[in-house]
Amino acid sequence: MSSAAERLGINIEKPRYDQSTYTGRAKHFFIVTNPLNLLAVMQSWKNPNAYNGGKLPGITGDQLWRAKQLYDSTYHPDTGGKMFLLGRMSAQVPCNMVITGCMMTFYKTTPAVVFWQWINQSFNALVNYTNRSGPNPISPATLGWSYCGATTGAITTALFLNKVVAPRFPPLVGRFVPFAAVAAANAINLPMMRSSELTNGIPVLTADGEEVGKSSKAAQSAISQVVVSRIGMAAPGMFIPPIIMAKLEKGPFLTKYSKMNAPLQVLMVGTCLVFATPLCCALFPQMSSIKTSSLEPELRDELSARPHPPERVYFNKGL
């Protein structure tokens, strides 16, 4: 009996959509970050590879892809272990909408700034650890330094801007302070979390998948791309709601029901994140590339000496 995947002509080892196009990557990440994955039940299948054995020959293509999507959303790609619920990519929207909404609601007092920036960086550390690379696990020391560095950077940035910058500008400017703190934290957190990659390099491959060495230059490019994506994810939810809330707070509804401030901000942030998270994850291909001429001299010379030297090499940028 042929496997279901063979019968349907599906390669479940690769994403469903073409990852060389932005549209294909966006479709892929809309699936990966779908919060409904948290509520889905795996039922009798825990691994889509079970279909390759022909156990369920009547399965449809859509059902097979759905099983793979649920599996990929739940289990670590390297270790195969079940990921902690709140650390999964599908938890990004519900968790971040609450944290970000509260950061923007309670941004004026020092205790609130410290508390919510601490909560945010604690969640970021959890996500980074849960989605760590299996072959190159994050050491407790690296995780701790990254966590402390990002938390300190976020809190310092927020407190400084609240005290020095915000009072000199219109009130609306103060509402953007949390975004500046989050951007600063991302710029600190990711390079520290992935410092071993910057030191030792990450694997680079030819277009055929042959590993040709490790490159710190590729690691720099990978981390820069992820930093841009992370900041981009946060931007819509931290720019649009403050503008809307500045107008709503002058109206009769929030004047009368001031306790609705936080729920409204959380809801608006969530709406932005539903779209911003997958769209920003898709900004750069998962398997990004770098020109051979931009690599370290030793690796560049080694590749140039080949009979058919590649013009570009490829690497997994991470998330």
C-alpha atoms as a PDB file:
ATOM      1  CA  MET A   1       0.000   0.000   0.000  1.00  0.00           C
ATOM      2  CA  SER A   2       1.463   3.381  -0.955  1.00  0.00           C
ATOM      3  CA  SER A   3       1.617   6.083   1.672  1.00  0.00           C
ATOM      4  CA  ALA A   4      -0.982   8.832   1.820  1.00  0.00           C
ATOM      5  CA  ALA A   5       1.685  11.450   1.106  1.00  0.00           C
ATOM      6  CA  GLU A   6       2.875   9.564  -1.986  1.00  0.00           C
ATOM      7  CA  ARG A   7      -0.695   8.982  -3.175  1.00  0.00           C
ATOM      8  CA  LEU A   8      -1.474  12.685  -2.825  1.00  0.00           C
ATOM      9  CA  GLY A   9       1.864  13.836  -4.229  1.00  0.00           C
ATOM     10  CA  ILE A  10       2.656  15.809  -1.062  1.00  0.00           C
ATOM     11  CA  ASN A  11       6.095  16.357   0.464  1.00  0.00           C
ATOM     12  CA  ILE A  12       5.341  16.994   4.116  1.00  0.00           C
ATOM     13  CA  GLU A  13       9.016  17.528   4.862  1.00  0.00           C
ATOM     14  CA  LYS A  14       8.685  21.031   3.389  1.00  0.00           C
ATOM     15  CA  PRO A  15       6.222  23.906   3.990  1.00  0.00           C
ATOM     16  CA  ARG A  16       3.000  23.810   1.999  1.00  0.00           C
ATOM     17  CA  TYR A  17       3.583  27.155   0.300  1.00  0.00           C
ATOM     18  CA  ASP A  18       6.460  28.448  -1.834  1.00  0.00           C
ATOM     19  CA  GLN A  19       8.966  30.034   0.552  1.00  0.00           C
ATOM     20  CA  SER A  20      10.793  31.912  -2.195  1.00  0.00           C
ATOM     21  CA  THR A  21       7.926  34.439  -2.397  1.00  0.00           C
ATOM     22  CA  TYR A  22       6.679  36.824   0.262  1.00  0.00           C
ATOM     23  CA  THR A  23       3.094  35.665  -0.299  1.00  0.00           C
ATOM     24  CA  GLY A  24       4.063  32.032   0.237  1.00  0.00           C
ATOM     25  CA  ARG A  25       5.982  32.850   3.406  1.00  0.00           C
ATOM     26  CA  ALA A  26       3.084  34.957   4.716  1.00  0.00           C
ATOM     27  CA  LYS A  27       0.617  32.090   4.170  1.00  0.00           C
ATOM     28  CA  HIS A  28       2.992  29.741   5.981  1.00  0.00           C
ATOM     29  CA  PHE A  29       3.360  31.993   9.010  1.00  0.00           C
ATOM     30  CA  PHE A  30      -0.352  32.762   9.213  1.00  0.00           C
ATOM     31  CA  ILE A  31      -0.699  29.028   9.844  1.00  0.00           C
ATOM     32  CA  VAL A  32       2.263  28.726  12.233  1.00  0.00           C
ATOM     33  CA  THR A  33       1.186  31.683  14.413  1.00  0.00           C
ATOM     34  CA  ASN A  34      -2.544  30.882  14.387  1.00  0.00           C
ATOM     35  CA  PRO A  35      -3.700  31.071  18.056  1.00  0.00           C
ATOM     36  CA  LEU A  36      -6.317  28.399  17.343  1.00  0.00           C
ATOM     37  CA  ASN A  37      -3.463  25.885  17.190  1.00  0.00           C
ATOM     38  CA  LEU A  38      -3.285  26.163  20.971  1.00  0.00           C
ATOM     39  CA  LEU A  39      -6.816  24.832  21.248  1.00  0.00           C
ATOM     40  CA  ALA A  40      -6.556  22.122  18.592  1.00  0.00           C
ATOM     41  CA  VAL A  41      -6.610  18.502  19.656  1.00  0.00           C
ATOM     42  CA  MET A  42      -4.083  16.191  18.039  1.00  0.00           C
ATOM     43  CA  GLN A  43      -6.625  13.331  18.151  1.00  0.00           C
ATOM     44  CA  SER A  44      -5.265   9.935  17.136  1.00  0.00           C
ATOM     45  CA  TRP A  45      -2.331  11.274  15.081  1.00  0.00           C
ATOM     46  CA  LYS A  46       0.679  12.751  16.860  1.00  0.00           C
ATOM     47  CA  ASN A  47       2.963  12.701  13.872  1.00  0.00           C
ATOM     48  CA  PRO A  48       1.982  13.337  10.257  1.00  0.00           C
ATOM     49  CA  ASN A  49       4.629  10.817   9.218  1.00  0.00           C
ATOM     50  CA  ALA A  50       2.193   8.141  10.352  1.00  0.00           C
ATOM     51  CA  TYR A  51       0.303   8.783   7.131  1.00  0.00           C
ATOM     52  CA  ASN A  52       3.381   7.765   5.164  1.00  0.00           C
ATOM     53  CA  GLY A  53       2.817   4.229   6.370  1.00  0.00           C
ATOM     54  CA  GLY A  54      -0.572   4.147   4.695  1.00  0.00           C
ATOM     55  CA  LYS A  55      -2.426   3.757   7.979  1.00  0.00           C
ATOM     56  CA  LEU A  56      -5.109   6.173   6.806  1.00  0.00           C
ATOM     57  CA  PRO A  57      -5.174   5.805   3.031  1.00  0.00           C
ATOM     58  CA  GLY A  58      -8.441   7.740   2.731  1.00  0.00           C
ATOM     59  CA  ILE A  59      -7.034  10.914   4.240  1.00  0.00           C
ATOM     60  CA  THR A  60      -7.351  14.060   2.117  1.00  0.00           C
ATOM     61  CA  GLY A  61      -4.572  16.485   1.285  1.00  0.00           C
ATOM     62  CA  ASP A  62      -6.044  19.218   3.473  1.00  0.00           C
ATOM     63  CA  GLN A  63      -6.322  16.840   6.431  1.00  0.00           C
ATOM     64  CA  LEU A  64      -2.724  15.722   5.970  1.00  0.00           C
ATOM     65  CA  TRP A  65      -1.473  19.309   5.865  1.00  0.00           C
ATOM     66  CA  ARG A  66      -3.559  20.193   8.912  1.00  0.00           C
ATOM     67  CA  ALA A  67      -2.037  17.295  10.852  1.00  0.00           C
ATOM     68  CA  LYS A  68       1.455  18.450   9.907  1.00  0.00           C
ATOM     69  CA  GLN A  69       0.657  22.033  10.883  1.00  0.00           C
ATOM     70  CA  LEU A  70      -0.601  20.969  14.291  1.00  0.00           C
ATOM     71  CA  TYR A  71       2.403  18.761  14.835  1.00  0.00           C
ATOM     72  CA  ASP A  72       4.885  21.457  13.781  1.00  0.00           C
ATOM     73  CA  SER A  73       3.118  23.939  16.036  1.00  0.00           C
ATOM     74  CA  THR A  74       3.329  21.634  19.059  1.00  0.00           C
ATOM     75  CA  TYR A  75       6.611  19.737  18.827  1.00  0.00           C
ATOM     76  CA  HIS A  76      10.176  21.041  18.629  1.00  0.00           C
ATOM     77  CA  PRO A  77      11.636  20.488  15.129  1.00  0.00           C
ATOM     78  CA  ASP A  78      15.037  19.323  16.428  1.00  0.00           C
ATOM     79  CA  THR A  79      14.351  17.486  19.679  1.00  0.00           C
ATOM     80  CA  GLY A  80      10.856  16.191  18.895  1.00  0.00           C
ATOM     81  CA  GLY A  81       9.742  17.100  22.403  1.00  0.00           C
ATOM     82  CA  LYS A  82       6.473  18.866  23.131  1.00  0.00           C
ATOM     83  CA  MET A  83       7.091  22.600  23.532  1.00  0.00           C
ATOM     84  CA  PHE A  84       5.848  24.506  26.547  1.00  0.00           C
ATOM     85  CA  LEU A  85       2.428  25.940  25.720  1.00  0.00           C
ATOM     86  CA  LEU A  86       3.196  29.639  26.248  1.00  0.00           C
ATOM     87  CA  GLY A  87       6.496  29.408  24.390  1.00  0.00           C
ATOM     88  CA  ARG A  88       4.989  28.270  21.085  1.00  0.00           C
ATOM     89  CA  MET A  89       4.713  30.660  18.136  1.00  0.00           C
ATOM     90  CA  SER A  90       0.936  30.175  18.230  1.00  0.00           C
ATOM     91  CA  ALA A  91       0.963  31.780  21.699  1.00  0.00           C
ATOM     92  CA  GLN A  92       2.591  34.973  20.418  1.00  0.00           C
ATOM     93  CA  VAL A  93      -0.626  36.840  19.619  1.00  0.00           C
ATOM     94  CA  PRO A  94      -2.690  36.096  22.772  1.00  0.00           C
ATOM     95  CA  CYS A  95       0.231  36.582  25.155  1.00  0.00           C
ATOM     96  CA  ASN A  96       1.711  39.653  23.481  1.00  0.00           C
ATOM     97  CA  MET A  97      -1.664  41.370  23.130  1.00  0.00           C
ATOM     98  CA  VAL A  98      -2.180  41.256  26.894  1.00  0.00           C
ATOM     99  CA  ILE A  99       1.387  42.255  27.765  1.00  0.00           C
ATOM    100  CA  THR A 100       1.635  45.015  25.155  1.00  0.00           C
ATOM    101  CA  GLY A 101      -1.843  46.358  25.896  1.00  0.00           C
ATOM    102  CA  CYS A 102      -0.995  46.651  29.586  1.00  0.00           C
ATOM    103  CA  MET A 103       2.415  48.204  28.866  1.00  0.00           C
ATOM    104  CA  MET A 104       0.692  50.955  26.917  1.00  0.00           C
ATOM    105  CA  THR A 105      -2.071  51.441  29.457  1.00  0.00           C
ATOM    106  CA  PHE A 106       0.145  51.619  32.535  1.00  0.00           C
ATOM    107  CA  TYR A 107       3.169  53.490  31.189  1.00  0.00           C
ATOM    108  CA  LYS A 108       3.169  56.585  33.385  1.00  0.00           C
ATOM    109  CA  THR A 109       4.269  55.347  36.812  1.00  0.00           C
ATOM    110  CA  THR A 110       7.689  53.858  37.575  1.00  0.00           C
ATOM    111  CA  PRO A 111       6.384  50.699  39.328  1.00  0.00           C
ATOM    112  CA  ALA A 112       4.099  49.938  36.369  1.00  0.00           C
ATOM    113  CA  VAL A 113       6.883  50.492  33.839  1.00  0.00           C
ATOM    114  CA  VAL A 114       9.262  48.205  35.737  1.00  0.00           C
ATOM    115  CA  PHE A 115       6.627  45.505  36.236  1.00  0.00           C
ATOM    116  CA  TRP A 116       5.348  45.280  32.657  1.00  0.00           C
ATOM    117  CA  GLN A 117       8.775  45.550  31.044  1.00  0.00           C
ATOM    118  CA  TRP A 118       9.914  42.742  33.339  1.00  0.00           C
ATOM    119  CA  ILE A 119       6.890  40.642  32.375  1.00  0.00           C
ATOM    120  CA  ASN A 120       7.549  41.298  28.686  1.00  0.00           C
ATOM    121  CA  GLN A 121      11.203  40.281  28.828  1.00  0.00           C
ATOM    122  CA  SER A 122      10.348  37.214  30.911  1.00  0.00           C
ATOM    123  CA  PHE A 123       7.958  36.146  28.170  1.00  0.00           C
ATOM    124  CA  ASN A 124      10.565  36.883  25.478  1.00  0.00           C
ATOM    125  CA  ALA A 125      13.105  34.736  27.328  1.00  0.00           C
ATOM    126  CA  LEU A 126      10.567  31.911  27.523  1.00  0.00           C
ATOM    127  CA  VAL A 127       9.860  32.127  23.777  1.00  0.00           C
ATOM    128  CA  ASN A 128      13.567  32.248  22.892  1.00  0.00           C
ATOM    129  CA  TYR A 129      14.324  29.241  25.104  1.00  0.00           C
ATOM    130  CA  THR A 130      11.348  27.208  23.856  1.00  0.00           C
ATOM    131  CA  ASN A 131      12.305  27.827  20.213  1.00  0.00           C
ATOM    132  CA  ARG A 132      16.029  27.305  20.745  1.00  0.00           C
ATOM    133  CA  SER A 133      18.078  25.273  18.321  1.00  0.00           C
ATOM    134  CA  GLY A 134      18.335  21.637  19.389  1.00  0.00           C
ATOM    135  CA  PRO A 135      21.875  20.956  18.139  1.00  0.00           C
ATOM    136  CA  ASN A 136      23.093  24.255  19.651  1.00  0.00           C
ATOM    137  CA  PRO A 137      21.123  24.671  22.866  1.00  0.00           C
ATOM    138  CA  ILE A 138      21.145  27.970  24.732  1.00  0.00           C
ATOM    139  CA  SER A 139      23.200  27.638  27.911  1.00  0.00           C
ATOM    140  CA  PRO A 140      21.649  28.752  31.227  1.00  0.00           C
ATOM    141  CA  ALA A 141      24.366  31.425  31.522  1.00  0.00           C
ATOM    142  CA  THR A 142      23.591  32.842  28.066  1.00  0.00           C
ATOM    143  CA  LEU A 143      19.870  32.774  28.785  1.00  0.00           C
ATOM    144  CA  GLY A 144      20.411  34.531  32.116  1.00  0.00           C
ATOM    145  CA  TRP A 145      22.679  37.256  30.724  1.00  0.00           C
ATOM    146  CA  SER A 146      20.343  37.842  27.806  1.00  0.00           C
ATOM    147  CA  TYR A 147      17.340  38.074  30.101  1.00  0.00           C
ATOM    148  CA  CYS A 148      19.051  40.488  32.482  1.00  0.00           C
ATOM    149  CA  GLY A 149      20.489  42.589  29.669  1.00  0.00           C
ATOM    150  CA  ALA A 150      17.203  42.918  27.788  1.00  0.00           C
ATOM    151  CA  THR A 151      15.198  43.618  30.944  1.00  0.00           C
ATOM    152  CA  THR A 152      17.661  46.247  32.145  1.00  0.00           C
ATOM    153  CA  GLY A 153      17.801  47.856  28.699  1.00  0.00           C
ATOM    154  CA  ALA A 154      14.018  47.989  28.357  1.00  0.00           C
ATOM    155  CA  ILE A 155      13.418  49.391  31.825  1.00  0.00           C
ATOM    156  CA  THR A 156      16.248  51.938  31.565  1.00  0.00           C
ATOM    157  CA  THR A 157      15.037  53.125  28.163  1.00  0.00           C
ATOM    158  CA  ALA A 158      11.426  53.443  29.315  1.00  0.00           C
ATOM    159  CA  LEU A 159      12.261  55.270  32.534  1.00  0.00           C
ATOM    160  CA  PHE A 160      14.702  57.620  30.787  1.00  0.00           C
ATOM    161  CA  LEU A 161      12.225  58.536  28.057  1.00  0.00           C
ATOM    162  CA  ASN A 162       9.398  58.979  30.556  1.00  0.00           C
ATOM    163  CA  LYS A 163      11.486  61.329  32.679  1.00  0.00           C
ATOM    164  CA  VAL A 164      13.546  63.252  30.134  1.00  0.00           C
ATOM    165  CA  VAL A 165      11.843  63.086  26.724  1.00  0.00           C
ATOM    166  CA  ALA A 166       8.100  62.670  27.236  1.00  0.00           C
ATOM    167  CA  PRO A 167       7.576  65.802  29.400  1.00  0.00           C
ATOM    168  CA  ARG A 168       8.975  68.018  26.628  1.00  0.00           C
ATOM    169  CA  PHE A 169       6.555  66.807  23.978  1.00  0.00           C
ATOM    170  CA  PRO A 170       2.779  66.483  23.563  1.00  0.00           C
ATOM    171  CA  PRO A 171       1.102  63.732  25.666  1.00  0.00           C
ATOM    172  CA  LEU A 172       0.729  61.494  22.616  1.00  0.00           C
ATOM    173  CA  VAL A 173       4.513  61.119  22.400  1.00  0.00           C
ATOM    174  CA  GLY A 174       4.574  59.582  25.867  1.00  0.00           C
ATOM    175  CA  ARG A 175       2.376  56.762  24.615  1.00  0.00           C
ATOM    176  CA  PHE A 176       5.146  55.656  22.259  1.00  0.00           C
ATOM    177  CA  VAL A 177       7.695  55.220  25.054  1.00  0.00           C
ATOM    178  CA  PRO A 178       6.859  51.494  25.525  1.00  0.00           C
ATOM    179  CA  PHE A 179       7.619  50.868  21.852  1.00  0.00           C
ATOM    180  CA  ALA A 180      11.040  52.494  22.157  1.00  0.00           C
ATOM    181  CA  ALA A 181      11.742  50.296  25.185  1.00  0.00           C
ATOM    182  CA  VAL A 182      10.639  47.144  23.364  1.00  0.00           C
ATOM    183  CA  ALA A 183      12.766  48.029  20.316  1.00  0.00           C
ATOM    184  CA  ALA A 184      15.802  48.603  22.543  1.00  0.00           C
ATOM    185  CA  ALA A 185      15.213  45.316  24.347  1.00  0.00           C
ATOM    186  CA  ASN A 186      15.005  43.390  21.081  1.00  0.00           C
ATOM    187  CA  ALA A 187      18.241  44.958  19.886  1.00  0.00           C
ATOM    188  CA  ILE A 188      19.899  43.745  23.107  1.00  0.00           C
ATOM    189  CA  ASN A 189      18.151  40.423  23.684  1.00  0.00           C
ATOM    190  CA  LEU A 190      18.664  38.657  20.370  1.00  0.00           C
ATOM    191  CA  PRO A 191      22.397  39.367  19.856  1.00  0.00           C
ATOM    192  CA  MET A 192      23.074  38.310  23.459  1.00  0.00           C
ATOM    193  CA  MET A 193      20.893  35.213  23.190  1.00  0.00           C
ATOM    194  CA  ARG A 194      22.659  34.172  20.007  1.00  0.00           C
ATOM    195  CA  SER A 195      26.133  35.394  20.948  1.00  0.00           C
ATOM    196  CA  SER A 196      27.657  31.953  20.359  1.00  0.00           C
ATOM    197  CA  GLU A 197      26.546  32.202  16.715  1.00  0.00           C
ATOM    198  CA  LEU A 198      28.345  35.524  16.369  1.00  0.00           C
ATOM    199  CA  THR A 199      31.472  33.996  17.868  1.00  0.00           C
ATOM    200  CA  ASN A 200      31.482  30.564  16.227  1.00  0.00           C
ATOM    201  CA  GLY A 201      29.390  31.220  13.121  1.00  0.00           C
ATOM    202  CA  ILE A 202      26.358  29.393  11.756  1.00  0.00           C
ATOM    203  CA  PRO A 203      26.293  26.678   9.070  1.00  0.00           C
ATOM    204  CA  VAL A 204      26.180  27.967   5.499  1.00  0.00           C
ATOM    205  CA  LEU A 205      25.102  25.788   2.603  1.00  0.00           C
ATOM    206  CA  THR A 206      25.134  25.765  -1.165  1.00  0.00           C
ATOM    207  CA  ALA A 207      21.891  25.886  -3.146  1.00  0.00           C
ATOM    208  CA  ASP A 208      22.048  22.053  -3.233  1.00  0.00           C
ATOM    209  CA  GLY A 209      22.118  21.835   0.547  1.00  0.00           C
ATOM    210  CA  GLU A 210      25.823  21.020   0.946  1.00  0.00           C
ATOM    211  CA  GLU A 211      27.269  22.501   4.134  1.00  0.00           C
ATOM    212  CA  VAL A 212      30.467  24.344   3.274  1.00  0.00           C
ATOM    213  CA  GLY A 213      31.413  25.791   6.630  1.00  0.00           C
ATOM    214  CA  LYS A 214      30.361  28.214   9.359  1.00  0.00           C
ATOM    215  CA  SER A 215      30.199  31.983   9.065  1.00  0.00           C
ATOM    216  CA  SER A 216      29.958  34.767  11.627  1.00  0.00           C
ATOM    217  CA  LYS A 217      29.039  37.151   8.802  1.00  0.00           C
ATOM    218  CA  ALA A 218      25.994  35.015   8.044  1.00  0.00           C
ATOM    219  CA  ALA A 219      25.125  35.035  11.750  1.00  0.00           C
ATOM    220  CA  GLN A 220      25.259  38.831  11.794  1.00  0.00           C
ATOM    221  CA  SER A 221      22.895  38.954   8.829  1.00  0.00           C
ATOM    222  CA  ALA A 222      20.548  36.391  10.382  1.00  0.00           C
ATOM    223  CA  ILE A 223      20.308  38.167  13.726  1.00  0.00           C
ATOM    224  CA  SER A 224      19.830  41.565  12.076  1.00  0.00           C
ATOM    225  CA  GLN A 225      16.923  40.194  10.051  1.00  0.00           C
ATOM    226  CA  VAL A 226      15.253  38.703  13.114  1.00  0.00           C
ATOM    227  CA  VAL A 227      15.679  41.951  15.076  1.00  0.00           C
ATOM    228  CA  VAL A 228      13.993  43.884  12.253  1.00  0.00           C
ATOM    229  CA  SER A 229      11.158  41.339  12.127  1.00  0.00           C
ATOM    230  CA  ARG A 230      10.614  41.417  15.892  1.00  0.00           C
ATOM    231  CA  ILE A 231      10.515  45.217  15.993  1.00  0.00           C
ATOM    232  CA  GLY A 232       8.211  45.229  12.981  1.00  0.00           C
ATOM    233  CA  MET A 233       5.829  42.844  14.742  1.00  0.00           C
ATOM    234  CA  ALA A 234       5.525  45.211  17.680  1.00  0.00           C
ATOM    235  CA  ALA A 235       5.255  48.460  15.699  1.00  0.00           C
ATOM    236  CA  PRO A 236       1.607  48.416  14.458  1.00  0.00           C
ATOM    237  CA  GLY A 237       0.213  47.357  17.822  1.00  0.00           C
ATOM    238  CA  MET A 238       2.239  50.006  19.644  1.00  0.00           C
ATOM    239  CA  PHE A 239       1.638  52.858  17.190  1.00  0.00           C
ATOM    240  CA  ILE A 240      -1.980  52.552  16.037  1.00  0.00           C
ATOM    241  CA  PRO A 241      -3.816  51.970  19.360  1.00  0.00           C
ATOM    242  CA  PRO A 242      -2.204  54.975  21.137  1.00  0.00           C
ATOM    243  CA  ILE A 243      -3.433  57.315  18.394  1.00  0.00           C
ATOM    244  CA  ILE A 244      -6.952  55.883  18.605  1.00  0.00           C
ATOM    245  CA  MET A 245      -6.952  55.868  22.411  1.00  0.00           C
ATOM    246  CA  ALA A 246      -5.808  59.514  22.560  1.00  0.00           C
ATOM    247  CA  LYS A 247      -9.037  60.436  20.766  1.00  0.00           C
ATOM    248  CA  LEU A 248     -11.302  57.969  22.578  1.00  0.00           C
ATOM    249  CA  GLU A 249     -10.200  59.161  26.007  1.00  0.00           C
ATOM    250  CA  LYS A 250     -11.589  62.604  25.187  1.00  0.00           C
ATOM    251  CA  GLY A 251     -14.972  61.128  24.298  1.00  0.00           C
ATOM    252  CA  PRO A 252     -17.928  60.384  26.582  1.00  0.00           C
ATOM    253  CA  PHE A 253     -17.557  56.582  26.643  1.00  0.00           C
ATOM    254  CA  LEU A 254     -14.101  56.317  28.247  1.00  0.00           C
ATOM    255  CA  THR A 255     -14.789  59.367  30.370  1.00  0.00           C
ATOM    256  CA  LYS A 256     -17.658  57.437  31.918  1.00  0.00           C
ATOM    257  CA  TYR A 257     -16.162  53.929  31.735  1.00  0.00           C
ATOM    258  CA  SER A 258     -12.470  54.533  32.373  1.00  0.00           C
ATOM    259  CA  LYS A 259     -11.920  50.882  33.353  1.00  0.00           C
ATOM    260  CA  MET A 260     -12.470  49.929  29.728  1.00  0.00           C
ATOM    261  CA  ASN A 261      -9.174  51.590  28.783  1.00  0.00           C
ATOM    262  CA  ALA A 262      -7.010  48.486  29.234  1.00  0.00           C
ATOM    263  CA  PRO A 263      -9.450  46.002  27.603  1.00  0.00           C
ATOM    264  CA  LEU A 264      -9.829  48.264  24.565  1.00  0.00           C
ATOM    265  CA  GLN A 265      -6.070  48.628  24.148  1.00  0.00           C
ATOM    266  CA  VAL A 266      -5.551  44.880  24.543  1.00  0.00           C
ATOM    267  CA  LEU A 267      -8.225  44.203  21.912  1.00  0.00           C
ATOM    268  CA  MET A 268      -6.729  46.682  19.446  1.00  0.00           C
ATOM    269  CA  VAL A 269      -3.218  45.369  20.000  1.00  0.00           C
ATOM    270  CA  GLY A 270      -4.461  41.823  19.436  1.00  0.00           C
ATOM    271  CA  THR A 271      -6.091  42.829  16.158  1.00  0.00           C
ATOM    272  CA  CYS A 272      -2.816  44.362  14.968  1.00  0.00           C
ATOM    273  CA  LEU A 273      -0.735  41.377  16.096  1.00  0.00           C
ATOM    274  CA  VAL A 274      -2.913  38.855  14.267  1.00  0.00           C
ATOM    275  CA  PHE A 275      -1.662  40.378  11.028  1.00  0.00           C
ATOM    276  CA  ALA A 276       1.687  41.920  12.026  1.00  0.00           C
ATOM    277  CA  THR A 277       3.153  38.731  13.523  1.00  0.00           C
ATOM    278  CA  PRO A 278       2.945  36.490  10.429  1.00  0.00           C
ATOM    279  CA  LEU A 279       3.538  39.336   7.975  1.00  0.00           C
ATOM    280  CA  CYS A 280       6.747  40.378   9.730  1.00  0.00           C
ATOM    281  CA  CYS A 281       7.939  36.796  10.210  1.00  0.00           C
ATOM    282  CA  ALA A 282       7.673  36.542   6.419  1.00  0.00           C
ATOM    283  CA  LEU A 283       9.791  39.630   5.680  1.00  0.00           C
ATOM    284  CA  PHE A 284      12.882  37.486   5.117  1.00  0.00           C
ATOM    285  CA  PRO A 285      13.115  33.896   3.843  1.00  0.00           C
ATOM    286  CA  GLN A 286      13.714  31.306   6.550  1.00  0.00           C
ATOM    287  CA  MET A 287      16.639  30.081   4.448  1.00  0.00           C
ATOM    288  CA  SER A 288      18.272  33.441   3.756  1.00  0.00           C
ATOM    289  CA  SER A 289      21.367  33.979   1.662  1.00  0.00           C
ATOM    290  CA  ILE A 290      24.537  36.019   1.593  1.00  0.00           C
ATOM    291  CA  LYS A 291      27.002  36.755  -1.214  1.00  0.00           C
ATOM    292  CA  THR A 292      30.105  34.620  -1.109  1.00  0.00           C
ATOM    293  CA  SER A 293      32.154  37.790  -1.493  1.00  0.00           C
ATOM    294  CA  SER A 294      30.752  39.021   1.857  1.00  0.00           C
ATOM    295  CA  LEU A 295      31.975  35.995   3.833  1.00  0.00           C
ATOM    296  CA  GLU A 296      35.103  35.768   5.971  1.00  0.00           C
ATOM    297  CA  PRO A 297      38.304  35.759   3.854  1.00  0.00           C
ATOM    298  CA  GLU A 298      39.208  32.130   4.709  1.00  0.00           C
ATOM    299  CA  LEU A 299      35.793  30.731   3.778  1.00  0.00           C
ATOM    300  CA  ARG A 300      35.494  33.026   0.760  1.00  0.00           C
ATOM    301  CA  ASP A 301      38.876  31.905  -0.574  1.00  0.00           C
ATOM    302  CA  GLU A 302      38.013  28.259   0.035  1.00  0.00           C
ATOM    303  CA  LEU A 303      34.801  28.563  -1.965  1.00  0.00           C
ATOM    304  CA  SER A 304      36.454  30.620  -4.709  1.00  0.00           C
ATOM    305  CA  ALA A 305      38.949  27.802  -5.257  1.00  0.00           C
ATOM    306  CA  ARG A 306      36.165  25.388  -6.232  1.00  0.00           C
ATOM    307  CA  PRO A 307      35.672  24.468  -9.907  1.00  0.00           C
ATOM    308  CA  HIS A 308      32.223  26.072  -9.828  1.00  0.00           C
ATOM    309  CA  PRO A 309      32.247  28.544  -6.911  1.00  0.00           C
ATOM    310  CA  PRO A 310      28.783  29.534  -5.665  1.00  0.00           C
ATOM    311  CA  GLU A 311      27.862  33.188  -5.871  1.00  0.00           C
ATOM    312  CA  ARG A 312      25.688  32.905  -2.771  1.00  0.00           C
ATOM    313  CA  VAL A 313      25.430  30.606   0.226  1.00  0.00           C
ATOM    314  CA  TYR A 314      22.368  29.968   2.377  1.00  0.00           C
ATOM    315  CA  PHE A 315      21.641  29.819   6.111  1.00  0.00           C
ATOM    316  CA  ASN A 316      18.715  29.375   8.476  1.00  0.00           C
ATOM    317  CA  LYS A 317      18.058  32.801   9.995  1.00  0.00           C
ATOM    318  CA  GLY A 318      15.966  31.508  12.913  1.00  0.00           C
ATOM    319  CA  LEU A 319      12.829  33.190  14.270  1.00  0.00           C
END
